Each structure stands twice: as structure tokens, then as C-alpha cells.
N, C-alpha and C. Protein backbone atom coordinates (compact mmCIF):
# COMPACT_ATOMS: atom_id res chain seq x y z
N MET A 1 26.49 14.27 -15.94
CA MET A 1 25.99 15.32 -15.07
C MET A 1 26.73 15.22 -13.74
N ASN A 2 27.18 16.36 -13.26
CA ASN A 2 27.87 16.33 -11.98
C ASN A 2 26.91 16.75 -10.85
N GLY A 3 27.37 16.56 -9.64
CA GLY A 3 26.54 16.83 -8.47
C GLY A 3 26.13 18.29 -8.35
N ARG A 4 27.03 19.19 -8.70
CA ARG A 4 26.70 20.63 -8.61
C ARG A 4 25.58 21.01 -9.56
N ARG A 5 25.62 20.48 -10.76
CA ARG A 5 24.56 20.78 -11.74
C ARG A 5 23.22 20.23 -11.25
N LEU A 6 23.23 19.02 -10.73
CA LEU A 6 22.00 18.42 -10.21
C LEU A 6 21.50 19.21 -8.99
N ALA A 7 22.41 19.68 -8.16
CA ALA A 7 22.03 20.51 -7.01
C ALA A 7 21.32 21.77 -7.47
N GLU A 8 21.81 22.36 -8.56
CA GLU A 8 21.14 23.55 -9.13
C GLU A 8 19.72 23.21 -9.58
N ILE A 9 19.59 22.12 -10.32
CA ILE A 9 18.28 21.71 -10.83
C ILE A 9 17.31 21.45 -9.69
N LEU A 10 17.81 20.81 -8.62
CA LEU A 10 16.96 20.46 -7.47
C LEU A 10 16.84 21.61 -6.46
N GLN A 11 17.51 22.70 -6.74
CA GLN A 11 17.50 23.88 -5.87
C GLN A 11 17.98 23.53 -4.46
N LEU A 12 19.10 22.83 -4.41
CA LEU A 12 19.72 22.46 -3.14
C LEU A 12 20.99 23.30 -2.97
N SER A 13 20.81 24.57 -2.67
CA SER A 13 21.93 25.50 -2.62
C SER A 13 22.83 25.32 -1.41
N LEU A 14 22.36 24.63 -0.39
CA LEU A 14 23.15 24.47 0.83
C LEU A 14 23.68 23.04 1.01
N PHE A 15 23.74 22.28 -0.06
CA PHE A 15 24.10 20.87 0.06
C PHE A 15 25.48 20.65 0.68
N GLU A 16 26.38 21.64 0.58
CA GLU A 16 27.71 21.48 1.16
C GLU A 16 27.71 21.67 2.68
N TYR A 17 26.68 22.32 3.20
CA TYR A 17 26.64 22.66 4.63
C TYR A 17 25.49 22.01 5.38
N CYS A 18 24.43 21.70 4.66
CA CYS A 18 23.23 21.12 5.27
C CYS A 18 23.23 19.61 4.98
N MET A 19 23.31 18.83 6.04
CA MET A 19 23.40 17.38 5.86
C MET A 19 22.18 16.83 5.12
N LYS A 20 21.00 17.35 5.44
CA LYS A 20 19.79 16.85 4.79
C LYS A 20 19.85 17.09 3.28
N GLN A 21 20.27 18.28 2.87
CA GLN A 21 20.39 18.56 1.44
C GLN A 21 21.49 17.72 0.81
N GLY A 22 22.58 17.51 1.52
CA GLY A 22 23.67 16.69 1.01
C GLY A 22 23.24 15.25 0.78
N ILE A 23 22.50 14.72 1.73
CA ILE A 23 22.00 13.34 1.61
C ILE A 23 21.00 13.24 0.46
N LEU A 24 20.13 14.23 0.36
CA LEU A 24 19.15 14.24 -0.72
C LEU A 24 19.85 14.31 -2.08
N LEU A 25 20.86 15.15 -2.19
CA LEU A 25 21.61 15.24 -3.44
C LEU A 25 22.28 13.91 -3.77
N ASP A 26 22.88 13.29 -2.77
CA ASP A 26 23.53 11.98 -2.98
C ASP A 26 22.51 10.94 -3.45
N TYR A 27 21.32 10.98 -2.90
CA TYR A 27 20.23 10.07 -3.28
C TYR A 27 19.96 10.17 -4.78
N TYR A 28 19.86 11.39 -5.29
CA TYR A 28 19.56 11.58 -6.70
C TYR A 28 20.78 11.35 -7.59
N VAL A 29 21.96 11.79 -7.16
CA VAL A 29 23.17 11.58 -7.96
C VAL A 29 23.45 10.09 -8.13
N SER A 30 23.35 9.32 -7.03
CA SER A 30 23.61 7.89 -7.15
C SER A 30 22.56 7.22 -8.04
N GLY A 31 21.31 7.67 -7.95
CA GLY A 31 20.27 7.13 -8.82
C GLY A 31 20.53 7.45 -10.28
N PHE A 32 20.95 8.69 -10.54
CA PHE A 32 21.25 9.10 -11.91
C PHE A 32 22.37 8.25 -12.50
N TRP A 33 23.46 8.07 -11.75
CA TRP A 33 24.59 7.30 -12.28
C TRP A 33 24.26 5.82 -12.39
N TRP A 34 23.42 5.30 -11.50
CA TRP A 34 22.99 3.92 -11.64
C TRP A 34 22.22 3.75 -12.95
N ALA A 35 21.32 4.69 -13.23
CA ALA A 35 20.54 4.63 -14.47
C ALA A 35 21.45 4.74 -15.69
N LYS A 36 22.46 5.59 -15.63
CA LYS A 36 23.41 5.69 -16.74
C LYS A 36 24.15 4.37 -16.94
N GLU A 37 24.55 3.71 -15.83
CA GLU A 37 25.23 2.43 -15.92
C GLU A 37 24.34 1.35 -16.53
N GLN A 38 23.03 1.51 -16.38
CA GLN A 38 22.09 0.56 -16.97
C GLN A 38 21.85 0.84 -18.45
N ASN A 39 22.51 1.88 -18.97
CA ASN A 39 22.36 2.30 -20.38
C ASN A 39 20.94 2.71 -20.71
N PHE A 40 20.27 3.34 -19.76
CA PHE A 40 18.93 3.86 -20.01
C PHE A 40 19.03 5.04 -20.97
N THR A 41 17.99 5.23 -21.76
CA THR A 41 17.90 6.41 -22.62
C THR A 41 17.61 7.62 -21.73
N MET A 42 17.71 8.80 -22.31
CA MET A 42 17.43 10.01 -21.52
C MET A 42 15.98 10.03 -21.02
N ILE A 43 15.06 9.55 -21.84
CA ILE A 43 13.66 9.48 -21.41
C ILE A 43 13.52 8.50 -20.25
N GLN A 44 14.20 7.36 -20.34
CA GLN A 44 14.14 6.38 -19.26
C GLN A 44 14.78 6.93 -17.98
N ILE A 45 15.88 7.65 -18.12
CA ILE A 45 16.52 8.25 -16.94
C ILE A 45 15.57 9.25 -16.28
N SER A 46 14.91 10.05 -17.09
CA SER A 46 13.96 11.02 -16.56
C SER A 46 12.83 10.31 -15.80
N THR A 47 12.32 9.24 -16.38
CA THR A 47 11.26 8.46 -15.73
C THR A 47 11.78 7.84 -14.44
N PHE A 48 12.99 7.32 -14.47
CA PHE A 48 13.59 6.71 -13.29
C PHE A 48 13.77 7.74 -12.17
N MET A 49 14.21 8.94 -12.53
CA MET A 49 14.39 9.99 -11.53
C MET A 49 13.04 10.36 -10.90
N THR A 50 11.99 10.34 -11.69
CA THR A 50 10.65 10.59 -11.17
C THR A 50 10.24 9.48 -10.20
N LEU A 51 10.62 8.24 -10.52
CA LEU A 51 10.35 7.13 -9.59
C LEU A 51 11.06 7.34 -8.26
N LEU A 52 12.31 7.78 -8.32
CA LEU A 52 13.05 8.07 -7.08
C LEU A 52 12.33 9.13 -6.25
N LYS A 53 11.87 10.17 -6.93
CA LYS A 53 11.15 11.24 -6.23
C LYS A 53 9.86 10.71 -5.62
N THR A 54 9.16 9.86 -6.36
CA THR A 54 7.90 9.28 -5.88
C THR A 54 8.12 8.44 -4.63
N ILE A 55 9.15 7.60 -4.65
CA ILE A 55 9.45 6.76 -3.48
C ILE A 55 9.75 7.64 -2.27
N LEU A 56 10.55 8.66 -2.46
CA LEU A 56 10.90 9.55 -1.35
C LEU A 56 9.67 10.29 -0.83
N ALA A 57 8.82 10.76 -1.74
CA ALA A 57 7.60 11.46 -1.32
C ALA A 57 6.64 10.52 -0.60
N ASN A 58 6.55 9.29 -1.07
CA ASN A 58 5.65 8.32 -0.43
C ASN A 58 6.06 8.05 1.01
N VAL A 59 7.35 8.00 1.23
CA VAL A 59 7.85 7.72 2.57
C VAL A 59 7.80 8.98 3.44
N GLY A 60 8.27 10.08 2.89
CA GLY A 60 8.39 11.30 3.69
C GLY A 60 7.10 12.07 3.88
N GLU A 61 6.43 12.38 2.78
CA GLU A 61 5.24 13.23 2.85
C GLU A 61 3.97 12.42 3.11
N LYS A 62 3.81 11.34 2.37
CA LYS A 62 2.58 10.54 2.50
C LYS A 62 2.65 9.54 3.65
N ARG A 63 3.87 9.24 4.11
CA ARG A 63 4.07 8.29 5.21
C ARG A 63 3.48 6.91 4.89
N LEU A 64 3.63 6.48 3.62
CA LEU A 64 3.13 5.17 3.23
C LEU A 64 3.97 4.07 3.87
N SER A 65 3.34 2.99 4.20
CA SER A 65 4.05 1.83 4.74
C SER A 65 4.83 1.18 3.60
N LEU A 66 5.71 0.27 3.97
CA LEU A 66 6.48 -0.46 2.96
C LEU A 66 5.54 -1.17 1.99
N LEU A 67 4.54 -1.84 2.52
CA LEU A 67 3.60 -2.58 1.67
C LEU A 67 2.85 -1.64 0.71
N ASP A 68 2.34 -0.53 1.22
CA ASP A 68 1.61 0.41 0.37
C ASP A 68 2.53 1.03 -0.69
N ASN A 69 3.75 1.31 -0.29
CA ASN A 69 4.71 1.89 -1.23
C ASN A 69 5.04 0.89 -2.34
N LEU A 70 5.24 -0.36 -1.97
CA LEU A 70 5.52 -1.38 -2.98
C LEU A 70 4.34 -1.60 -3.91
N LYS A 71 3.13 -1.50 -3.38
CA LYS A 71 1.93 -1.61 -4.23
C LYS A 71 1.89 -0.47 -5.25
N GLU A 72 2.20 0.73 -4.79
CA GLU A 72 2.20 1.87 -5.71
C GLU A 72 3.30 1.72 -6.75
N LEU A 73 4.48 1.27 -6.31
CA LEU A 73 5.57 1.04 -7.25
C LEU A 73 5.17 -0.01 -8.28
N LYS A 74 4.51 -1.07 -7.84
CA LYS A 74 4.05 -2.12 -8.76
C LYS A 74 3.09 -1.55 -9.79
N ASN A 75 2.15 -0.70 -9.37
CA ASN A 75 1.20 -0.09 -10.29
C ASN A 75 1.90 0.81 -11.31
N ILE A 76 2.87 1.58 -10.83
CA ILE A 76 3.61 2.47 -11.73
C ILE A 76 4.40 1.63 -12.73
N MET A 77 5.09 0.62 -12.22
CA MET A 77 5.93 -0.21 -13.10
C MET A 77 5.08 -0.94 -14.14
N ALA A 78 3.88 -1.34 -13.79
CA ALA A 78 3.00 -2.02 -14.75
C ALA A 78 2.69 -1.11 -15.94
N LYS A 79 2.70 0.19 -15.70
CA LYS A 79 2.40 1.14 -16.77
C LYS A 79 3.60 1.45 -17.64
N ILE A 80 4.80 1.31 -17.09
CA ILE A 80 5.99 1.74 -17.84
C ILE A 80 6.89 0.61 -18.30
N VAL A 81 6.53 -0.62 -17.98
CA VAL A 81 7.31 -1.78 -18.44
C VAL A 81 6.52 -2.45 -19.55
N GLN A 82 7.22 -2.80 -20.60
CA GLN A 82 6.55 -3.47 -21.71
C GLN A 82 7.13 -4.86 -21.91
N SER A 83 6.32 -5.72 -22.44
CA SER A 83 6.79 -7.08 -22.72
C SER A 83 7.62 -7.08 -24.00
N SER A 84 8.31 -8.17 -24.25
CA SER A 84 9.15 -8.29 -25.45
C SER A 84 8.32 -8.11 -26.72
N SER A 85 7.08 -8.58 -26.69
CA SER A 85 6.25 -8.49 -27.89
C SER A 85 5.79 -7.06 -28.16
N GLU A 86 5.84 -6.20 -27.15
CA GLU A 86 5.42 -4.81 -27.33
C GLU A 86 6.61 -3.89 -27.57
N LYS A 87 7.81 -4.45 -27.65
CA LYS A 87 9.03 -3.66 -27.68
C LYS A 87 9.03 -2.66 -28.83
N SER A 88 9.39 -1.43 -28.48
CA SER A 88 9.56 -0.39 -29.49
C SER A 88 10.99 0.12 -29.39
N ASP A 89 11.45 0.79 -30.42
CA ASP A 89 12.84 1.26 -30.45
C ASP A 89 13.00 2.69 -29.96
N ASP A 90 11.93 3.33 -29.52
CA ASP A 90 12.05 4.73 -29.12
C ASP A 90 12.57 4.91 -27.70
N GLY A 91 12.70 3.82 -26.92
CA GLY A 91 13.26 3.91 -25.59
C GLY A 91 12.34 4.56 -24.58
N GLU A 92 11.06 4.66 -24.92
CA GLU A 92 10.13 5.33 -24.03
C GLU A 92 9.78 4.48 -22.81
N PHE A 93 9.73 3.18 -22.99
CA PHE A 93 9.35 2.28 -21.91
C PHE A 93 10.55 1.44 -21.48
N PHE A 94 10.40 0.76 -20.35
CA PHE A 94 11.43 -0.14 -19.86
C PHE A 94 11.11 -1.57 -20.28
N THR A 95 12.15 -2.36 -20.48
CA THR A 95 11.95 -3.78 -20.74
C THR A 95 11.64 -4.46 -19.41
N VAL A 96 11.23 -5.71 -19.49
CA VAL A 96 10.94 -6.48 -18.27
C VAL A 96 12.21 -6.60 -17.43
N ASP A 97 13.34 -6.87 -18.06
CA ASP A 97 14.61 -6.98 -17.31
C ASP A 97 14.99 -5.66 -16.67
N GLN A 98 14.79 -4.57 -17.39
CA GLN A 98 15.07 -3.26 -16.79
C GLN A 98 14.12 -3.00 -15.61
N GLY A 99 12.87 -3.41 -15.76
CA GLY A 99 11.90 -3.25 -14.69
C GLY A 99 12.31 -4.01 -13.44
N LYS A 100 12.80 -5.23 -13.63
CA LYS A 100 13.27 -6.04 -12.50
C LYS A 100 14.46 -5.37 -11.82
N ALA A 101 15.37 -4.84 -12.62
CA ALA A 101 16.54 -4.16 -12.06
C ALA A 101 16.11 -2.92 -11.27
N ILE A 102 15.14 -2.20 -11.79
CA ILE A 102 14.64 -1.00 -11.09
C ILE A 102 14.02 -1.39 -9.76
N ILE A 103 13.22 -2.45 -9.76
CA ILE A 103 12.58 -2.88 -8.51
C ILE A 103 13.64 -3.29 -7.48
N SER A 104 14.67 -4.01 -7.91
CA SER A 104 15.75 -4.38 -6.99
C SER A 104 16.44 -3.14 -6.44
N TYR A 105 16.70 -2.18 -7.30
CA TYR A 105 17.34 -0.93 -6.87
C TYR A 105 16.42 -0.19 -5.89
N MET A 106 15.14 -0.15 -6.20
CA MET A 106 14.19 0.58 -5.36
C MET A 106 14.05 -0.05 -3.97
N LYS A 107 14.17 -1.36 -3.88
CA LYS A 107 14.09 -2.00 -2.57
C LYS A 107 15.20 -1.47 -1.66
N ILE A 108 16.39 -1.33 -2.21
CA ILE A 108 17.50 -0.78 -1.44
C ILE A 108 17.24 0.69 -1.13
N ARG A 109 16.78 1.43 -2.10
CA ARG A 109 16.52 2.87 -1.93
C ARG A 109 15.38 3.11 -0.96
N TYR A 110 14.42 2.21 -0.93
CA TYR A 110 13.31 2.39 0.00
C TYR A 110 13.83 2.40 1.43
N GLN A 111 14.75 1.52 1.72
CA GLN A 111 15.32 1.49 3.07
C GLN A 111 16.02 2.80 3.37
N PHE A 112 16.75 3.33 2.39
CA PHE A 112 17.41 4.62 2.55
C PHE A 112 16.39 5.72 2.74
N SER A 113 15.34 5.71 1.92
CA SER A 113 14.30 6.73 1.99
C SER A 113 13.63 6.74 3.35
N PHE A 114 13.37 5.54 3.87
CA PHE A 114 12.73 5.44 5.17
C PHE A 114 13.64 6.02 6.25
N PHE A 115 14.92 5.68 6.21
CA PHE A 115 15.87 6.19 7.18
C PHE A 115 15.94 7.71 7.09
N PHE A 116 15.97 8.22 5.86
CA PHE A 116 16.08 9.65 5.63
C PHE A 116 14.85 10.38 6.14
N SER A 117 13.68 9.79 6.00
CA SER A 117 12.45 10.49 6.37
C SER A 117 12.20 10.49 7.87
N VAL A 118 12.74 9.53 8.61
CA VAL A 118 12.47 9.49 10.04
C VAL A 118 13.35 10.44 10.83
N SER A 119 14.35 10.98 10.20
CA SER A 119 15.21 11.95 10.88
C SER A 119 14.49 13.28 10.93
N SER A 120 14.04 13.67 12.11
CA SER A 120 13.27 14.90 12.23
C SER A 120 14.11 16.10 12.60
N ALA A 121 15.25 15.88 13.20
CA ALA A 121 16.10 17.00 13.61
C ALA A 121 16.91 17.49 12.43
N PRO A 122 16.93 18.80 12.21
CA PRO A 122 17.73 19.31 11.11
C PRO A 122 19.21 19.15 11.44
N ALA A 123 19.96 18.67 10.48
CA ALA A 123 21.39 18.48 10.68
C ALA A 123 22.14 19.44 9.78
N VAL A 124 23.03 20.22 10.37
CA VAL A 124 23.79 21.21 9.61
C VAL A 124 25.25 21.01 9.91
N ALA A 125 26.05 20.92 8.86
CA ALA A 125 27.49 20.80 9.03
C ALA A 125 28.08 22.20 9.07
N VAL A 126 29.14 22.37 9.80
CA VAL A 126 29.81 23.65 9.91
C VAL A 126 30.82 23.78 8.79
N GLN A 127 30.82 24.94 8.15
CA GLN A 127 31.75 25.18 7.05
C GLN A 127 33.15 25.28 7.61
N PRO A 128 34.12 24.53 7.02
CA PRO A 128 35.51 24.61 7.50
C PRO A 128 36.09 25.99 7.22
N GLN A 129 36.91 26.45 8.11
CA GLN A 129 37.54 27.78 7.98
C GLN A 129 38.75 27.72 7.10
């Protein structure tokens, strides 16, 4: 999936000119490609993208603290990570190792999300002539 296609899906029509939309698109594109590099199934990628959205919403809209956000992430991960003894071949859930990798990734993304949410001034880039 390329950035333009994802921009369409996310309805970010001004991502080339609006810094906020560009940053938001980069947030999701980098998450998507990270998930692909982890060899996640399409269902797992979809779930992971929802986690990215949840983290961003928790910081931006709900204004959750780091601790509260991590608690919510822990609760979500407990529901979608399965132990080795529960392993199924349908790829619906994440393994414990995948869960650990997601949490590590999310810690980095949380810092980005927090930085992104505290910027209150709209930033717009000028289209080159």
C-alpha cells in the first residue's frame, strides 16, 4: 500500500500541503510498513492500525496521561495476545512475542503522538510554484 492510497482511505486530501495531515499520514504509513515487516497477517495489520488510532485518540482527544494510556494499551493487548498453548493458525490474534514487539513500538509512537497532539497551531506548507 502506498501513501496516496492510505491518504484516500483516511480522507487526508491535503497531506501534501497541510503539515498536520502529512504528519498524520506518515504516522499511519510507518505503522503499516512496520506491521508488514513483522509479517503480520492482514487481520493483524488491521488490528494494529486500530491500535495506532486508539493511541492517537487517547492522547489527542481524551488527553490521557502516559500512565492511563499504557493501562488501556495493556488491557487491549491482554485481549488480543494469546499464549503459545492457545495458538491458532487463523492469524486472528497476536503471539506473546508479537505483543511485546507491538508494545515496544507503541512506546516510541506514544512519544510521537504526544508531540503531535500538543501542537495547537495549524501548520500549512505552501505549494511550490
